[in-house]
Amino acid sequence: MELTHIEHLGIAVKSLDEAIPYYEQMLGLKCYSIEEVADQKVKTAFFKIGQTKIELLESTDPEGTIAKFIEKRGEGIHHIAFATPSVKDSLEELSAKGVRLIDKEPRRGAEGLNIAFLHPKSTQGVLTEICEDPNKK
């Protein structure tokens, strides 16, 4: 499987309104996009540092996965996302190698990227996302 770079780090937060000022005022980063991904029950805010993005994730539903994550573990790093030329090909290869998949097929994520998640029980406890690299198609 070809991974091109770390696409982003996903960080679960209780409130984007409270978290964004830290990244902008303390770290000097610029929030360049805020969007809601309704089917994932999440609102996201993106920052870029070098080639890597930081994705803040705020739940829009108390029953959403981010709300449950925060309730169980508190705010913090939720997942790491790697870029790949083809999510579909990567899923097939990973499945053949015995990796447990959360998503068996690519789906649409934030910023319109095709994404899929791998189960932490197969990834040394780290929720892992693979994202299609639009520059490598």
N, C-alpha and C. Protein backbone atom coordinates (compact mmCIF):
# COMPACT_ATOMS: atom_id res chain seq x y z
N MET A 1 0.86 -1.18 0.00
CA MET A 1 0.00 0.00 0.00
C MET A 1 0.89 1.23 0.00
N GLU A 2 0.52 2.20 -0.80
CA GLU A 2 1.28 3.44 -0.88
C GLU A 2 0.62 4.51 -0.04
N LEU A 3 1.35 5.01 0.97
CA LEU A 3 0.92 6.16 1.74
C LEU A 3 1.80 7.33 1.35
N THR A 4 1.20 8.49 1.09
CA THR A 4 1.98 9.62 0.60
C THR A 4 2.38 10.59 1.71
N HIS A 5 1.54 10.74 2.73
CA HIS A 5 1.86 11.63 3.83
C HIS A 5 0.78 11.52 4.91
N ILE A 6 1.04 12.13 6.06
CA ILE A 6 -0.01 12.24 7.08
C ILE A 6 -0.95 13.32 6.59
N GLU A 7 -2.18 12.96 6.32
CA GLU A 7 -3.17 13.90 5.78
C GLU A 7 -3.63 14.85 6.89
N HIS A 8 -3.99 14.27 8.04
CA HIS A 8 -4.37 15.12 9.17
C HIS A 8 -4.36 14.34 10.48
N LEU A 9 -4.39 15.10 11.56
CA LEU A 9 -4.61 14.55 12.89
C LEU A 9 -5.99 15.03 13.32
N GLY A 10 -6.85 14.10 13.72
CA GLY A 10 -8.18 14.46 14.19
C GLY A 10 -8.18 14.62 15.70
N ILE A 11 -8.67 15.76 16.17
CA ILE A 11 -8.68 16.06 17.60
C ILE A 11 -10.12 16.34 18.03
N ALA A 12 -10.60 15.54 18.97
CA ALA A 12 -11.96 15.71 19.49
C ALA A 12 -12.00 16.86 20.47
N VAL A 13 -12.94 17.79 20.28
CA VAL A 13 -13.11 18.93 21.19
C VAL A 13 -14.59 19.06 21.54
N LYS A 14 -14.84 19.63 22.71
CA LYS A 14 -16.22 19.86 23.12
C LYS A 14 -16.85 20.99 22.32
N SER A 15 -16.03 22.01 22.01
CA SER A 15 -16.55 23.20 21.35
C SER A 15 -15.52 23.78 20.39
N LEU A 16 -15.89 23.91 19.14
CA LEU A 16 -15.01 24.58 18.18
C LEU A 16 -14.80 26.04 18.58
N ASP A 17 -15.85 26.69 19.06
CA ASP A 17 -15.75 28.10 19.45
C ASP A 17 -14.71 28.30 20.55
N GLU A 18 -14.56 27.32 21.42
CA GLU A 18 -13.56 27.43 22.49
C GLU A 18 -12.19 26.96 22.03
N ALA A 19 -12.12 26.01 21.12
CA ALA A 19 -10.84 25.42 20.71
C ALA A 19 -10.12 26.24 19.64
N ILE A 20 -10.85 26.80 18.69
CA ILE A 20 -10.23 27.53 17.58
C ILE A 20 -9.32 28.66 18.05
N PRO A 21 -9.74 29.48 19.05
CA PRO A 21 -8.86 30.56 19.48
C PRO A 21 -7.48 30.09 19.96
N TYR A 22 -7.41 28.92 20.59
CA TYR A 22 -6.11 28.40 21.02
C TYR A 22 -5.19 28.21 19.82
N TYR A 23 -5.69 27.55 18.79
CA TYR A 23 -4.87 27.26 17.61
C TYR A 23 -4.49 28.53 16.86
N GLU A 24 -5.42 29.50 16.84
CA GLU A 24 -5.14 30.75 16.12
C GLU A 24 -4.29 31.72 16.96
N GLN A 25 -4.70 31.96 18.18
CA GLN A 25 -4.04 33.00 18.99
C GLN A 25 -2.78 32.52 19.68
N MET A 26 -2.76 31.27 20.12
CA MET A 26 -1.59 30.76 20.84
C MET A 26 -0.56 30.15 19.89
N LEU A 27 -1.04 29.42 18.88
CA LEU A 27 -0.11 28.74 17.98
C LEU A 27 0.12 29.50 16.67
N GLY A 28 -0.72 30.49 16.39
CA GLY A 28 -0.54 31.29 15.19
C GLY A 28 -1.00 30.62 13.91
N LEU A 29 -1.82 29.57 14.03
CA LEU A 29 -2.36 28.91 12.83
C LEU A 29 -3.64 29.61 12.41
N LYS A 30 -4.07 29.38 11.17
CA LYS A 30 -5.27 30.02 10.63
C LYS A 30 -6.29 28.95 10.30
N CYS A 31 -7.48 29.08 10.88
CA CYS A 31 -8.57 28.17 10.53
C CYS A 31 -9.04 28.54 9.13
N TYR A 32 -8.91 27.61 8.19
CA TYR A 32 -9.27 27.93 6.81
C TYR A 32 -10.59 27.33 6.37
N SER A 33 -11.18 26.46 7.20
CA SER A 33 -12.44 25.85 6.79
C SER A 33 -13.18 25.31 8.00
N ILE A 34 -14.48 25.58 8.04
CA ILE A 34 -15.38 24.97 9.03
C ILE A 34 -16.53 24.38 8.24
N GLU A 35 -16.83 23.13 8.51
CA GLU A 35 -17.95 22.49 7.81
C GLU A 35 -18.60 21.44 8.68
N GLU A 36 -19.85 21.16 8.38
CA GLU A 36 -20.57 20.09 9.07
C GLU A 36 -20.64 18.88 8.15
N VAL A 37 -20.36 17.73 8.71
CA VAL A 37 -20.51 16.47 7.99
C VAL A 37 -21.68 15.75 8.68
N ALA A 38 -22.88 16.00 8.16
CA ALA A 38 -24.11 15.58 8.83
C ALA A 38 -24.18 14.08 9.09
N ASP A 39 -23.78 13.27 8.10
CA ASP A 39 -23.91 11.82 8.30
C ASP A 39 -22.94 11.28 9.34
N GLN A 40 -21.92 12.05 9.68
CA GLN A 40 -20.99 11.63 10.73
C GLN A 40 -21.27 12.35 12.06
N LYS A 41 -22.31 13.20 12.07
CA LYS A 41 -22.74 13.93 13.26
C LYS A 41 -21.59 14.72 13.86
N VAL A 42 -20.90 15.47 12.99
CA VAL A 42 -19.72 16.20 13.42
C VAL A 42 -19.60 17.51 12.66
N LYS A 43 -19.02 18.48 13.35
CA LYS A 43 -18.65 19.76 12.74
C LYS A 43 -17.13 19.83 12.84
N THR A 44 -16.48 20.21 11.75
CA THR A 44 -15.02 20.20 11.70
C THR A 44 -14.46 21.60 11.46
N ALA A 45 -13.25 21.80 11.94
CA ALA A 45 -12.49 23.02 11.65
C ALA A 45 -11.08 22.57 11.27
N PHE A 46 -10.55 23.14 10.19
CA PHE A 46 -9.24 22.71 9.68
C PHE A 46 -8.20 23.82 9.77
N PHE A 47 -6.99 23.40 10.10
CA PHE A 47 -5.80 24.24 10.12
C PHE A 47 -4.74 23.49 9.33
N LYS A 48 -3.83 24.21 8.71
CA LYS A 48 -2.76 23.55 7.96
C LYS A 48 -1.42 23.98 8.53
N ILE A 49 -0.54 23.00 8.68
CA ILE A 49 0.82 23.28 9.11
C ILE A 49 1.72 22.40 8.25
N GLY A 50 2.49 23.03 7.37
CA GLY A 50 3.25 22.27 6.38
C GLY A 50 2.27 21.56 5.46
N GLN A 51 2.52 20.29 5.21
CA GLN A 51 1.64 19.50 4.34
C GLN A 51 0.52 18.82 5.15
N THR A 52 0.60 18.93 6.47
CA THR A 52 -0.34 18.23 7.33
C THR A 52 -1.41 19.17 7.85
N LYS A 53 -2.61 18.62 8.03
CA LYS A 53 -3.72 19.39 8.57
C LYS A 53 -4.03 18.92 9.98
N ILE A 54 -4.61 19.81 10.75
CA ILE A 54 -5.21 19.48 12.04
C ILE A 54 -6.70 19.65 11.85
N GLU A 55 -7.45 18.62 12.20
CA GLU A 55 -8.91 18.65 12.08
C GLU A 55 -9.51 18.60 13.48
N LEU A 56 -10.15 19.69 13.89
CA LEU A 56 -10.87 19.69 15.14
C LEU A 56 -12.26 19.12 14.88
N LEU A 57 -12.73 18.28 15.78
CA LEU A 57 -14.01 17.59 15.61
C LEU A 57 -14.93 17.89 16.79
N GLU A 58 -16.06 18.51 16.52
CA GLU A 58 -17.07 18.78 17.54
C GLU A 58 -18.32 17.99 17.20
N SER A 59 -18.85 17.26 18.15
CA SER A 59 -20.06 16.47 17.91
C SER A 59 -21.26 17.39 17.73
N THR A 60 -22.14 17.03 16.82
CA THR A 60 -23.40 17.75 16.64
C THR A 60 -24.56 16.98 17.24
N ASP A 61 -24.25 15.84 17.88
CA ASP A 61 -25.28 14.96 18.43
C ASP A 61 -24.71 14.28 19.68
N PRO A 62 -25.45 14.31 20.79
CA PRO A 62 -24.94 13.68 22.00
C PRO A 62 -24.70 12.17 21.84
N GLU A 63 -25.30 11.57 20.83
CA GLU A 63 -25.11 10.14 20.57
C GLU A 63 -24.06 9.88 19.48
N GLY A 64 -23.45 10.94 18.96
CA GLY A 64 -22.43 10.80 17.92
C GLY A 64 -21.14 10.20 18.46
N THR A 65 -20.31 9.69 17.55
CA THR A 65 -19.08 9.02 17.96
C THR A 65 -18.12 9.98 18.68
N ILE A 66 -18.07 11.23 18.28
CA ILE A 66 -17.17 12.18 18.94
C ILE A 66 -17.66 12.48 20.35
N ALA A 67 -18.96 12.66 20.53
CA ALA A 67 -19.51 12.90 21.87
C ALA A 67 -19.21 11.71 22.78
N LYS A 68 -19.38 10.51 22.26
CA LYS A 68 -19.10 9.30 23.06
C LYS A 68 -17.61 9.18 23.38
N PHE A 69 -16.77 9.54 22.40
CA PHE A 69 -15.32 9.50 22.62
C PHE A 69 -14.94 10.45 23.76
N ILE A 70 -15.45 11.69 23.72
CA ILE A 70 -15.14 12.68 24.74
C ILE A 70 -15.67 12.24 26.10
N GLU A 71 -16.87 11.68 26.12
CA GLU A 71 -17.46 11.21 27.37
C GLU A 71 -16.58 10.12 28.01
N LYS A 72 -16.04 9.25 27.19
CA LYS A 72 -15.23 8.12 27.67
C LYS A 72 -13.78 8.51 27.96
N ARG A 73 -13.18 9.32 27.07
CA ARG A 73 -11.74 9.59 27.15
C ARG A 73 -11.37 11.05 27.37
N GLY A 74 -12.33 11.94 27.20
CA GLY A 74 -12.03 13.38 27.29
C GLY A 74 -11.56 13.91 25.95
N GLU A 75 -11.35 15.20 25.89
CA GLU A 75 -10.88 15.83 24.66
C GLU A 75 -9.47 15.35 24.35
N GLY A 76 -9.13 15.33 23.06
CA GLY A 76 -7.77 14.95 22.69
C GLY A 76 -7.71 14.29 21.34
N ILE A 77 -6.55 13.72 21.05
CA ILE A 77 -6.35 13.11 19.73
C ILE A 77 -7.32 11.95 19.55
N HIS A 78 -8.06 12.00 18.46
CA HIS A 78 -9.07 11.01 18.14
C HIS A 78 -8.56 10.01 17.10
N HIS A 79 -7.87 10.52 16.06
CA HIS A 79 -7.38 9.62 15.01
C HIS A 79 -6.24 10.25 14.23
N ILE A 80 -5.55 9.40 13.50
CA ILE A 80 -4.53 9.85 12.55
C ILE A 80 -5.01 9.42 11.17
N ALA A 81 -4.82 10.31 10.20
CA ALA A 81 -5.26 10.02 8.83
C ALA A 81 -4.06 10.05 7.90
N PHE A 82 -3.96 9.01 7.08
CA PHE A 82 -2.90 8.92 6.08
C PHE A 82 -3.50 9.11 4.69
N ALA A 83 -2.76 9.77 3.81
CA ALA A 83 -3.19 9.95 2.42
C ALA A 83 -2.70 8.79 1.59
N THR A 84 -3.52 8.37 0.65
CA THR A 84 -3.19 7.29 -0.26
C THR A 84 -3.80 7.60 -1.63
N PRO A 85 -3.19 7.15 -2.71
CA PRO A 85 -3.75 7.43 -4.03
C PRO A 85 -5.15 6.83 -4.24
N SER A 86 -5.44 5.69 -3.57
CA SER A 86 -6.74 5.04 -3.77
C SER A 86 -7.20 4.38 -2.47
N VAL A 87 -8.25 4.94 -1.88
CA VAL A 87 -8.80 4.36 -0.66
C VAL A 87 -9.33 2.96 -0.95
N LYS A 88 -10.01 2.80 -2.07
CA LYS A 88 -10.58 1.49 -2.42
C LYS A 88 -9.49 0.43 -2.52
N ASP A 89 -8.42 0.72 -3.25
CA ASP A 89 -7.32 -0.25 -3.38
C ASP A 89 -6.67 -0.53 -2.03
N SER A 90 -6.51 0.51 -1.22
CA SER A 90 -5.90 0.34 0.10
C SER A 90 -6.77 -0.54 1.00
N LEU A 91 -8.09 -0.34 0.96
CA LEU A 91 -9.00 -1.17 1.75
C LEU A 91 -8.90 -2.62 1.34
N GLU A 92 -8.86 -2.88 0.04
CA GLU A 92 -8.75 -4.26 -0.44
C GLU A 92 -7.46 -4.90 0.05
N GLU A 93 -6.36 -4.17 -0.06
CA GLU A 93 -5.07 -4.70 0.37
C GLU A 93 -5.03 -4.94 1.87
N LEU A 94 -5.52 -3.98 2.65
CA LEU A 94 -5.52 -4.12 4.09
C LEU A 94 -6.41 -5.27 4.55
N SER A 95 -7.59 -5.40 3.94
CA SER A 95 -8.49 -6.49 4.26
C SER A 95 -7.85 -7.84 3.97
N ALA A 96 -7.17 -7.94 2.84
CA ALA A 96 -6.49 -9.19 2.47
C ALA A 96 -5.38 -9.53 3.47
N LYS A 97 -4.82 -8.51 4.11
CA LYS A 97 -3.76 -8.74 5.11
C LYS A 97 -4.34 -8.99 6.51
N GLY A 98 -5.67 -8.98 6.61
CA GLY A 98 -6.31 -9.29 7.89
C GLY A 98 -6.62 -8.10 8.77
N VAL A 99 -6.47 -6.89 8.25
CA VAL A 99 -6.80 -5.70 9.05
C VAL A 99 -8.31 -5.58 9.15
N ARG A 100 -8.80 -5.33 10.36
CA ARG A 100 -10.23 -5.17 10.58
C ARG A 100 -10.65 -3.78 10.11
N LEU A 101 -11.63 -3.73 9.23
CA LEU A 101 -12.09 -2.47 8.64
C LEU A 101 -13.36 -2.00 9.34
N ILE A 102 -13.45 -0.71 9.62
CA ILE A 102 -14.71 -0.12 10.05
C ILE A 102 -15.55 0.16 8.81
N ASP A 103 -14.91 0.74 7.79
CA ASP A 103 -15.58 1.02 6.51
C ASP A 103 -15.06 0.02 5.48
N LYS A 104 -15.95 -0.76 4.92
CA LYS A 104 -15.55 -1.74 3.90
C LYS A 104 -15.46 -1.10 2.51
N GLU A 105 -16.09 0.05 2.36
CA GLU A 105 -16.05 0.83 1.11
C GLU A 105 -15.74 2.27 1.46
N PRO A 106 -15.10 3.01 0.55
CA PRO A 106 -14.86 4.43 0.80
C PRO A 106 -16.17 5.19 0.94
N ARG A 107 -16.14 6.23 1.73
CA ARG A 107 -17.30 7.12 1.88
C ARG A 107 -16.80 8.56 1.86
N ARG A 108 -17.71 9.48 1.71
CA ARG A 108 -17.36 10.90 1.61
C ARG A 108 -17.16 11.46 3.01
N GLY A 109 -16.04 12.16 3.20
CA GLY A 109 -15.74 12.78 4.49
C GLY A 109 -15.62 14.28 4.34
N ALA A 110 -15.06 14.90 5.34
CA ALA A 110 -14.85 16.36 5.31
C ALA A 110 -13.97 16.73 4.13
N GLU A 111 -14.13 17.93 3.67
CA GLU A 111 -13.41 18.48 2.52
C GLU A 111 -13.67 17.69 1.24
N GLY A 112 -14.73 16.88 1.22
CA GLY A 112 -15.10 16.13 0.03
C GLY A 112 -14.18 14.96 -0.30
N LEU A 113 -13.32 14.58 0.63
CA LEU A 113 -12.38 13.48 0.37
C LEU A 113 -13.05 12.13 0.55
N ASN A 114 -12.64 11.16 -0.24
CA ASN A 114 -13.02 9.78 0.00
C ASN A 114 -12.20 9.27 1.18
N ILE A 115 -12.88 8.66 2.15
CA ILE A 115 -12.20 8.22 3.37
C ILE A 115 -12.66 6.83 3.77
N ALA A 116 -11.94 6.23 4.70
CA ALA A 116 -12.35 4.99 5.34
C ALA A 116 -11.57 4.86 6.64
N PHE A 117 -12.18 4.22 7.62
CA PHE A 117 -11.54 4.03 8.91
C PHE A 117 -11.18 2.56 9.12
N LEU A 118 -10.06 2.37 9.81
CA LEU A 118 -9.58 1.05 10.19
C LEU A 118 -9.80 0.89 11.70
N HIS A 119 -10.16 -0.30 12.12
CA HIS A 119 -10.49 -0.53 13.52
C HIS A 119 -9.23 -0.50 14.39
N PRO A 120 -9.29 0.22 15.53
CA PRO A 120 -8.12 0.32 16.40
C PRO A 120 -7.61 -1.04 16.91
N LYS A 121 -8.46 -2.06 16.94
CA LYS A 121 -8.00 -3.38 17.39
C LYS A 121 -7.02 -4.00 16.41
N SER A 122 -6.97 -3.47 15.18
CA SER A 122 -6.02 -3.95 14.18
C SER A 122 -4.89 -2.97 13.94
N THR A 123 -4.89 -1.85 14.64
CA THR A 123 -3.91 -0.79 14.36
C THR A 123 -3.21 -0.31 15.63
N GLN A 124 -2.88 -1.26 16.48
CA GLN A 124 -2.17 -0.97 17.73
C GLN A 124 -2.87 0.08 18.58
N GLY A 125 -4.21 0.05 18.57
CA GLY A 125 -4.99 0.93 19.43
C GLY A 125 -5.22 2.33 18.92
N VAL A 126 -4.76 2.63 17.71
CA VAL A 126 -4.91 3.97 17.14
C VAL A 126 -5.98 3.94 16.05
N LEU A 127 -7.07 4.68 16.25
CA LEU A 127 -8.06 4.79 15.18
C LEU A 127 -7.36 5.41 13.98
N THR A 128 -7.41 4.73 12.85
CA THR A 128 -6.67 5.15 11.66
C THR A 128 -7.65 5.39 10.52
N GLU A 129 -7.46 6.51 9.86
CA GLU A 129 -8.27 6.88 8.70
C GLU A 129 -7.35 6.92 7.49
N ILE A 130 -7.86 6.46 6.38
CA ILE A 130 -7.13 6.64 5.13
C ILE A 130 -7.98 7.55 4.25
N CYS A 131 -7.30 8.49 3.60
CA CYS A 131 -7.96 9.51 2.78
C CYS A 131 -7.37 9.47 1.38
N GLU A 132 -8.21 9.66 0.40
CA GLU A 132 -7.72 9.69 -0.97
C GLU A 132 -7.00 10.99 -1.22
N ASP A 133 -5.78 10.89 -1.67
CA ASP A 133 -4.94 12.05 -1.98
C ASP A 133 -5.33 12.56 -3.35
N PRO A 134 -6.02 13.72 -3.45
CA PRO A 134 -6.47 14.21 -4.76
C PRO A 134 -5.30 14.54 -5.71
N ASN A 135 -4.11 14.74 -5.15
CA ASN A 135 -2.95 15.05 -5.99
C ASN A 135 -2.29 13.82 -6.59
N LYS A 136 -2.73 12.62 -6.20
CA LYS A 136 -2.09 11.38 -6.65
C LYS A 136 -3.00 10.51 -7.50
N LYS A 137 -4.10 11.04 -7.96
CA LYS A 137 -5.04 10.25 -8.77
C LYS A 137 -4.57 10.09 -10.18
